[in-house]
Amino acid sequence: MRGLEQFGWFVFNIAIPLLAPLALLPLLRLPTFFREHARGAVLRAMEHGQLLWTAIPMNASAGYVIGQQLNKSSANPALMWVLLCGHVALIVLASVLVLIGTMEASLRSDTCAHGPNRILRVSVTLTAITAAMHLGGYIWLFQPVVH
């Protein structure tokens, strides 16, 4: 049963927030008047750090859960503080990258012509780190141990 609980938690707290916005983008091909502009919609939706808009509240949620459990849990408090500080740092970093991505998007109309998009790579990496930290914190620190 524990594996099923962890899978359910993962689906509702990580998979849906990350994938639902991207899963809807293929629907852009349905209206015939927009079909030609739908090509590459997923990449365009992520290229200036928009994926970080999902990572920011995910980090906030994880930080809230850690903060709530900090005095109640018998888990390792030092590790909990490290995770809490890590989530706060990721919120700050993601927020700065969203700002930089927004500035960059407003200055450039054609990103591909100006070299590699580092913000896209960093945003995907930071979002993956966020998801892994959130899942790891839940499974190893807060998931009730079934005897």
N, C-alpha and C. Protein backbone atom coordinates (compact mmCIF):
# COMPACT_ATOMS: atom_id res chain seq x y z
N MET A 1 0.82 -1.20 0.00
CA MET A 1 0.00 0.00 0.00
C MET A 1 0.86 1.26 0.00
N ARG A 2 2.02 1.20 0.64
CA ARG A 2 2.88 2.38 0.72
C ARG A 2 3.31 2.85 -0.67
N GLY A 3 3.66 1.92 -1.54
CA GLY A 3 4.05 2.28 -2.90
C GLY A 3 2.93 2.97 -3.65
N LEU A 4 1.72 2.52 -3.47
CA LEU A 4 0.56 3.13 -4.11
C LEU A 4 0.33 4.54 -3.58
N GLU A 5 0.49 4.74 -2.26
CA GLU A 5 0.36 6.07 -1.68
C GLU A 5 1.42 7.02 -2.24
N GLN A 6 2.65 6.54 -2.33
CA GLN A 6 3.73 7.37 -2.86
C GLN A 6 3.50 7.71 -4.33
N PHE A 7 3.01 6.73 -5.09
CA PHE A 7 2.71 7.00 -6.50
C PHE A 7 1.60 8.03 -6.62
N GLY A 8 0.55 7.90 -5.82
CA GLY A 8 -0.54 8.87 -5.84
C GLY A 8 -0.07 10.26 -5.47
N TRP A 9 0.77 10.35 -4.43
CA TRP A 9 1.32 11.64 -4.04
C TRP A 9 2.13 12.23 -5.18
N PHE A 10 2.96 11.41 -5.83
CA PHE A 10 3.78 11.87 -6.95
C PHE A 10 2.92 12.40 -8.09
N VAL A 11 1.88 11.67 -8.43
CA VAL A 11 1.01 12.09 -9.55
C VAL A 11 0.38 13.45 -9.26
N PHE A 12 -0.19 13.62 -8.07
CA PHE A 12 -0.91 14.86 -7.77
C PHE A 12 -0.02 16.04 -7.40
N ASN A 13 1.17 15.79 -6.88
CA ASN A 13 2.03 16.88 -6.43
C ASN A 13 3.17 17.23 -7.38
N ILE A 14 3.51 16.31 -8.28
CA ILE A 14 4.62 16.58 -9.18
C ILE A 14 4.21 16.41 -10.65
N ALA A 15 3.70 15.24 -11.01
CA ALA A 15 3.41 14.96 -12.42
C ALA A 15 2.35 15.90 -13.00
N ILE A 16 1.24 16.05 -12.32
CA ILE A 16 0.17 16.90 -12.86
C ILE A 16 0.59 18.36 -12.96
N PRO A 17 1.18 18.96 -11.90
CA PRO A 17 1.61 20.36 -12.06
C PRO A 17 2.64 20.57 -13.17
N LEU A 18 3.52 19.59 -13.38
CA LEU A 18 4.54 19.75 -14.43
C LEU A 18 4.02 19.44 -15.82
N LEU A 19 3.21 18.41 -15.94
CA LEU A 19 2.84 17.94 -17.27
C LEU A 19 1.51 18.46 -17.79
N ALA A 20 0.60 18.83 -16.93
CA ALA A 20 -0.72 19.27 -17.40
C ALA A 20 -0.64 20.48 -18.35
N PRO A 21 0.12 21.52 -18.00
CA PRO A 21 0.19 22.64 -18.94
C PRO A 21 0.81 22.24 -20.29
N LEU A 22 1.80 21.37 -20.26
CA LEU A 22 2.44 20.94 -21.51
C LEU A 22 1.56 19.97 -22.28
N ALA A 23 0.77 19.18 -21.57
CA ALA A 23 -0.09 18.19 -22.22
C ALA A 23 -1.19 18.85 -23.02
N LEU A 24 -1.58 20.06 -22.65
CA LEU A 24 -2.65 20.75 -23.36
C LEU A 24 -2.17 21.43 -24.65
N LEU A 25 -0.89 21.65 -24.77
CA LEU A 25 -0.38 22.37 -25.94
C LEU A 25 -0.67 21.68 -27.28
N PRO A 26 -0.66 20.34 -27.37
CA PRO A 26 -1.02 19.73 -28.65
C PRO A 26 -2.45 20.05 -29.11
N LEU A 27 -3.30 20.49 -28.20
CA LEU A 27 -4.66 20.89 -28.59
C LEU A 27 -4.66 22.12 -29.49
N LEU A 28 -3.51 22.82 -29.57
CA LEU A 28 -3.41 23.98 -30.45
C LEU A 28 -3.59 23.59 -31.92
N ARG A 29 -3.36 22.32 -32.23
CA ARG A 29 -3.48 21.86 -33.62
C ARG A 29 -4.93 21.63 -34.04
N LEU A 30 -5.85 21.62 -33.10
CA LEU A 30 -7.25 21.35 -33.44
C LEU A 30 -7.89 22.43 -34.29
N PRO A 31 -7.82 23.70 -33.92
CA PRO A 31 -8.43 24.71 -34.79
C PRO A 31 -7.60 24.88 -36.07
N THR A 32 -8.24 24.81 -37.20
CA THR A 32 -7.51 24.88 -38.47
C THR A 32 -6.80 26.22 -38.65
N PHE A 33 -7.35 27.30 -38.13
CA PHE A 33 -6.73 28.61 -38.32
C PHE A 33 -5.43 28.75 -37.53
N PHE A 34 -5.18 27.89 -36.54
CA PHE A 34 -3.99 28.00 -35.71
C PHE A 34 -3.01 26.86 -35.94
N ARG A 35 -3.36 25.91 -36.78
CA ARG A 35 -2.58 24.69 -36.98
C ARG A 35 -1.13 24.97 -37.40
N GLU A 36 -0.92 25.90 -38.30
CA GLU A 36 0.44 26.15 -38.78
C GLU A 36 1.32 26.80 -37.72
N HIS A 37 0.75 27.48 -36.75
CA HIS A 37 1.52 28.12 -35.68
C HIS A 37 1.76 27.20 -34.50
N ALA A 38 1.12 26.05 -34.48
CA ALA A 38 1.23 25.13 -33.35
C ALA A 38 2.53 24.34 -33.34
N ARG A 39 3.21 24.27 -34.46
CA ARG A 39 4.47 23.52 -34.51
C ARG A 39 5.50 24.16 -33.57
N GLY A 40 6.07 23.33 -32.70
CA GLY A 40 7.08 23.81 -31.75
C GLY A 40 6.50 24.54 -30.55
N ALA A 41 5.21 24.38 -30.30
CA ALA A 41 4.56 25.11 -29.22
C ALA A 41 5.13 24.74 -27.85
N VAL A 42 5.46 23.47 -27.66
CA VAL A 42 6.00 23.04 -26.36
C VAL A 42 7.33 23.73 -26.09
N LEU A 43 8.21 23.74 -27.08
CA LEU A 43 9.50 24.40 -26.90
C LEU A 43 9.33 25.90 -26.69
N ARG A 44 8.45 26.54 -27.47
CA ARG A 44 8.22 27.97 -27.30
C ARG A 44 7.64 28.28 -25.92
N ALA A 45 6.83 27.38 -25.40
CA ALA A 45 6.23 27.61 -24.09
C ALA A 45 7.26 27.52 -22.97
N MET A 46 8.37 26.84 -23.23
CA MET A 46 9.38 26.64 -22.19
C MET A 46 10.65 27.45 -22.41
N GLU A 47 10.84 28.03 -23.58
CA GLU A 47 12.15 28.55 -23.95
C GLU A 47 12.67 29.72 -23.13
N HIS A 48 11.84 30.47 -22.49
CA HIS A 48 12.32 31.60 -21.69
C HIS A 48 12.08 31.42 -20.20
N GLY A 49 12.01 30.16 -19.76
CA GLY A 49 11.92 29.87 -18.35
C GLY A 49 10.51 29.74 -17.80
N GLN A 50 9.50 29.59 -18.67
CA GLN A 50 8.14 29.49 -18.18
C GLN A 50 7.92 28.25 -17.32
N LEU A 51 8.69 27.21 -17.52
CA LEU A 51 8.57 26.00 -16.70
C LEU A 51 8.87 26.30 -15.23
N LEU A 52 9.64 27.34 -15.00
CA LEU A 52 9.97 27.72 -13.63
C LEU A 52 8.76 28.25 -12.87
N TRP A 53 7.73 28.68 -13.58
CA TRP A 53 6.50 29.10 -12.91
C TRP A 53 5.86 27.91 -12.18
N THR A 54 6.15 26.71 -12.62
CA THR A 54 5.68 25.51 -11.92
C THR A 54 6.62 25.18 -10.76
N ALA A 55 7.90 25.38 -10.96
CA ALA A 55 8.89 25.04 -9.92
C ALA A 55 8.77 25.94 -8.70
N ILE A 56 8.41 27.20 -8.89
CA ILE A 56 8.34 28.14 -7.77
C ILE A 56 7.28 27.70 -6.75
N PRO A 57 6.03 27.47 -7.14
CA PRO A 57 5.06 27.03 -6.12
C PRO A 57 5.34 25.62 -5.60
N MET A 58 5.96 24.77 -6.42
CA MET A 58 6.31 23.43 -5.94
C MET A 58 7.34 23.53 -4.82
N ASN A 59 8.31 24.42 -4.97
CA ASN A 59 9.30 24.64 -3.90
C ASN A 59 8.64 25.27 -2.67
N ALA A 60 7.71 26.19 -2.90
CA ALA A 60 7.01 26.81 -1.77
C ALA A 60 6.20 25.78 -1.01
N SER A 61 5.53 24.90 -1.71
CA SER A 61 4.75 23.85 -1.08
C SER A 61 5.64 22.92 -0.27
N ALA A 62 6.75 22.52 -0.86
CA ALA A 62 7.68 21.64 -0.16
C ALA A 62 8.26 22.33 1.07
N GLY A 63 8.58 23.61 0.96
CA GLY A 63 9.10 24.36 2.10
C GLY A 63 8.07 24.47 3.21
N TYR A 64 6.83 24.66 2.85
CA TYR A 64 5.75 24.75 3.84
C TYR A 64 5.61 23.43 4.59
N VAL A 65 5.62 22.32 3.86
CA VAL A 65 5.49 21.01 4.49
C VAL A 65 6.67 20.74 5.42
N ILE A 66 7.87 21.08 4.97
CA ILE A 66 9.06 20.88 5.81
C ILE A 66 8.96 21.75 7.06
N GLY A 67 8.57 23.00 6.90
CA GLY A 67 8.44 23.90 8.03
C GLY A 67 7.42 23.42 9.04
N GLN A 68 6.31 22.88 8.55
CA GLN A 68 5.28 22.34 9.44
C GLN A 68 5.80 21.16 10.25
N GLN A 69 6.58 20.32 9.60
CA GLN A 69 7.02 19.09 10.23
C GLN A 69 8.33 19.22 11.01
N LEU A 70 8.96 20.36 10.91
CA LEU A 70 10.28 20.52 11.50
C LEU A 70 10.30 20.22 13.00
N ASN A 71 9.33 20.69 13.74
CA ASN A 71 9.31 20.45 15.19
C ASN A 71 8.52 19.20 15.57
N LYS A 72 7.70 18.71 14.67
CA LYS A 72 6.86 17.57 14.98
C LYS A 72 7.51 16.23 14.66
N SER A 73 8.32 16.22 13.64
CA SER A 73 8.83 14.96 13.09
C SER A 73 10.03 14.44 13.88
N SER A 74 10.17 13.14 13.83
CA SER A 74 11.35 12.52 14.43
C SER A 74 12.45 12.34 13.39
N ALA A 75 12.20 12.82 12.19
CA ALA A 75 13.21 12.73 11.13
C ALA A 75 14.40 13.63 11.46
N ASN A 76 15.44 13.49 10.71
CA ASN A 76 16.68 14.23 10.90
C ASN A 76 16.44 15.74 10.73
N PRO A 77 16.49 16.54 11.82
CA PRO A 77 16.22 17.97 11.70
C PRO A 77 17.28 18.71 10.88
N ALA A 78 18.52 18.26 10.93
CA ALA A 78 19.56 18.93 10.14
C ALA A 78 19.28 18.76 8.64
N LEU A 79 18.88 17.57 8.25
CA LEU A 79 18.54 17.34 6.84
C LEU A 79 17.31 18.15 6.44
N MET A 80 16.36 18.26 7.35
CA MET A 80 15.16 19.04 7.06
C MET A 80 15.51 20.52 6.86
N TRP A 81 16.43 21.06 7.66
CA TRP A 81 16.86 22.45 7.48
C TRP A 81 17.59 22.63 6.15
N VAL A 82 18.41 21.65 5.79
CA VAL A 82 19.12 21.72 4.51
C VAL A 82 18.12 21.73 3.36
N LEU A 83 17.12 20.85 3.43
CA LEU A 83 16.09 20.82 2.39
C LEU A 83 15.29 22.12 2.35
N LEU A 84 14.94 22.64 3.51
CA LEU A 84 14.19 23.90 3.57
C LEU A 84 14.98 25.03 2.94
N CYS A 85 16.25 25.14 3.31
CA CYS A 85 17.11 26.17 2.72
C CYS A 85 17.31 25.95 1.22
N GLY A 86 17.41 24.69 0.81
CA GLY A 86 17.52 24.37 -0.61
C GLY A 86 16.29 24.81 -1.40
N HIS A 87 15.12 24.57 -0.83
CA HIS A 87 13.89 25.00 -1.52
C HIS A 87 13.79 26.52 -1.59
N VAL A 88 14.18 27.21 -0.53
CA VAL A 88 14.17 28.68 -0.56
C VAL A 88 15.16 29.19 -1.62
N ALA A 89 16.34 28.59 -1.66
CA ALA A 89 17.33 28.99 -2.67
C ALA A 89 16.81 28.75 -4.08
N LEU A 90 16.13 27.63 -4.29
CA LEU A 90 15.57 27.36 -5.62
C LEU A 90 14.46 28.33 -5.98
N ILE A 91 13.67 28.77 -5.00
CA ILE A 91 12.65 29.79 -5.27
C ILE A 91 13.30 31.08 -5.75
N VAL A 92 14.34 31.50 -5.04
CA VAL A 92 15.03 32.74 -5.41
C VAL A 92 15.67 32.60 -6.79
N LEU A 93 16.38 31.50 -7.02
CA LEU A 93 17.03 31.28 -8.31
C LEU A 93 16.02 31.22 -9.44
N ALA A 94 14.93 30.49 -9.25
CA ALA A 94 13.90 30.38 -10.29
C ALA A 94 13.27 31.74 -10.57
N SER A 95 13.05 32.52 -9.53
CA SER A 95 12.45 33.85 -9.72
C SER A 95 13.38 34.76 -10.52
N VAL A 96 14.65 34.71 -10.21
CA VAL A 96 15.63 35.52 -10.95
C VAL A 96 15.69 35.06 -12.41
N LEU A 97 15.68 33.76 -12.63
CA LEU A 97 15.73 33.26 -14.01
C LEU A 97 14.47 33.59 -14.80
N VAL A 98 13.31 33.61 -14.14
CA VAL A 98 12.09 34.04 -14.81
C VAL A 98 12.22 35.50 -15.24
N LEU A 99 12.77 36.33 -14.37
CA LEU A 99 12.99 37.73 -14.70
C LEU A 99 13.94 37.87 -15.88
N ILE A 100 15.05 37.16 -15.84
CA ILE A 100 16.03 37.23 -16.94
C ILE A 100 15.42 36.70 -18.22
N GLY A 101 14.68 35.60 -18.15
CA GLY A 101 14.03 35.05 -19.33
C GLY A 101 13.02 36.00 -19.92
N THR A 102 12.28 36.70 -19.08
CA THR A 102 11.31 37.68 -19.55
C THR A 102 12.01 38.85 -20.23
N MET A 103 13.11 39.31 -19.63
CA MET A 103 13.87 40.40 -20.25
C MET A 103 14.43 39.96 -21.59
N GLU A 104 14.96 38.75 -21.64
CA GLU A 104 15.53 38.23 -22.87
C GLU A 104 14.47 38.06 -23.96
N ALA A 105 13.31 37.57 -23.56
CA ALA A 105 12.22 37.37 -24.53
C ALA A 105 11.76 38.69 -25.11
N SER A 106 11.76 39.74 -24.30
CA SER A 106 11.32 41.02 -24.82
C SER A 106 12.35 41.68 -25.72
N LEU A 107 13.61 41.28 -25.59
CA LEU A 107 14.67 41.86 -26.41
C LEU A 107 14.88 41.12 -27.73
N ARG A 108 14.53 39.85 -27.75
CA ARG A 108 14.77 39.03 -28.94
C ARG A 108 13.45 38.54 -29.51
N SER A 109 13.37 38.57 -30.80
CA SER A 109 12.18 38.00 -31.42
C SER A 109 12.46 36.60 -31.95
N ASP A 110 13.72 36.33 -32.29
CA ASP A 110 14.08 35.02 -32.82
C ASP A 110 15.24 34.45 -32.01
N THR A 111 14.93 33.62 -31.01
CA THR A 111 15.94 33.08 -30.10
C THR A 111 16.95 32.19 -30.80
N CYS A 112 16.50 31.37 -31.73
CA CYS A 112 17.39 30.40 -32.38
C CYS A 112 18.52 31.07 -33.14
N ALA A 113 18.29 32.26 -33.64
CA ALA A 113 19.32 32.93 -34.42
C ALA A 113 20.43 33.51 -33.55
N HIS A 114 20.24 33.54 -32.23
CA HIS A 114 21.22 34.18 -31.36
C HIS A 114 21.99 33.20 -30.50
N GLY A 115 22.02 31.94 -30.85
CA GLY A 115 22.80 30.97 -30.08
C GLY A 115 21.94 30.13 -29.15
N PRO A 116 22.60 29.31 -28.36
CA PRO A 116 21.86 28.38 -27.49
C PRO A 116 21.09 29.11 -26.40
N ASN A 117 19.99 28.53 -26.03
CA ASN A 117 19.15 29.11 -24.99
C ASN A 117 19.49 28.45 -23.66
N ARG A 118 20.34 29.08 -22.91
CA ARG A 118 20.78 28.52 -21.62
C ARG A 118 19.67 28.54 -20.58
N ILE A 119 18.78 29.51 -20.66
CA ILE A 119 17.69 29.60 -19.69
C ILE A 119 16.77 28.39 -19.82
N LEU A 120 16.54 27.93 -21.04
CA LEU A 120 15.71 26.73 -21.23
C LEU A 120 16.36 25.54 -20.54
N ARG A 121 17.63 25.35 -20.75
CA ARG A 121 18.34 24.21 -20.13
C ARG A 121 18.35 24.32 -18.61
N VAL A 122 18.62 25.49 -18.09
CA VAL A 122 18.67 25.68 -16.65
C VAL A 122 17.28 25.52 -16.05
N SER A 123 16.25 26.01 -16.73
CA SER A 123 14.90 25.90 -16.19
C SER A 123 14.45 24.45 -16.11
N VAL A 124 14.77 23.65 -17.12
CA VAL A 124 14.42 22.23 -17.09
C VAL A 124 15.19 21.54 -15.97
N THR A 125 16.48 21.87 -15.82
CA THR A 125 17.30 21.27 -14.76
C THR A 125 16.79 21.65 -13.37
N LEU A 126 16.52 22.94 -13.16
CA LEU A 126 16.03 23.39 -11.86
C LEU A 126 14.66 22.78 -11.53
N THR A 127 13.82 22.64 -12.52
CA THR A 127 12.51 22.05 -12.28
C THR A 127 12.65 20.57 -11.93
N ALA A 128 13.56 19.87 -12.58
CA ALA A 128 13.81 18.47 -12.26
C ALA A 128 14.38 18.33 -10.84
N ILE A 129 15.29 19.22 -10.46
CA ILE A 129 15.85 19.20 -9.11
C ILE A 129 14.74 19.46 -8.09
N THR A 130 13.87 20.42 -8.38
CA THR A 130 12.75 20.72 -7.50
C THR A 130 11.87 19.49 -7.30
N ALA A 131 11.51 18.85 -8.39
CA ALA A 131 10.65 17.67 -8.31
C ALA A 131 11.32 16.56 -7.51
N ALA A 132 12.61 16.35 -7.74
CA ALA A 132 13.33 15.29 -7.03
C ALA A 132 13.43 15.61 -5.54
N MET A 133 13.72 16.86 -5.19
CA MET A 133 13.81 17.24 -3.78
C MET A 133 12.45 17.12 -3.09
N HIS A 134 11.41 17.53 -3.78
CA HIS A 134 10.06 17.46 -3.20
C HIS A 134 9.66 16.00 -2.96
N LEU A 135 9.89 15.16 -3.95
CA LEU A 135 9.57 13.74 -3.83
C LEU A 135 10.45 13.08 -2.77
N GLY A 136 11.74 13.35 -2.79
CA GLY A 136 12.66 12.77 -1.81
C GLY A 136 12.32 13.17 -0.39
N GLY A 137 12.01 14.44 -0.20
CA GLY A 137 11.62 14.91 1.13
C GLY A 137 10.36 14.22 1.62
N TYR A 138 9.42 14.03 0.73
CA TYR A 138 8.17 13.37 1.12
C TYR A 138 8.41 11.91 1.47
N ILE A 139 9.11 11.21 0.61
CA ILE A 139 9.29 9.77 0.81
C ILE A 139 10.18 9.47 2.01
N TRP A 140 11.31 10.15 2.12
CA TRP A 140 12.28 9.77 3.13
C TRP A 140 12.09 10.47 4.48
N LEU A 141 11.44 11.62 4.48
CA LEU A 141 11.30 12.34 5.75
C LEU A 141 9.89 12.29 6.35
N PHE A 142 8.86 12.29 5.51
CA PHE A 142 7.53 12.48 6.04
C PHE A 142 6.57 11.32 5.85
N GLN A 143 6.87 10.46 4.90
CA GLN A 143 5.97 9.32 4.66
C GLN A 143 5.94 8.45 5.90
N PRO A 144 4.76 8.19 6.44
CA PRO A 144 4.70 7.35 7.64
C PRO A 144 5.27 5.96 7.36
N VAL A 145 6.05 5.48 8.29
CA VAL A 145 6.65 4.16 8.16
C VAL A 145 5.60 3.14 8.57
N VAL A 146 5.34 2.18 7.68
CA VAL A 146 4.37 1.14 7.95
C VAL A 146 5.12 -0.04 8.56
N HIS A 147 4.74 -0.45 9.74
CA HIS A 147 5.41 -1.57 10.41
C HIS A 147 4.70 -2.86 10.12
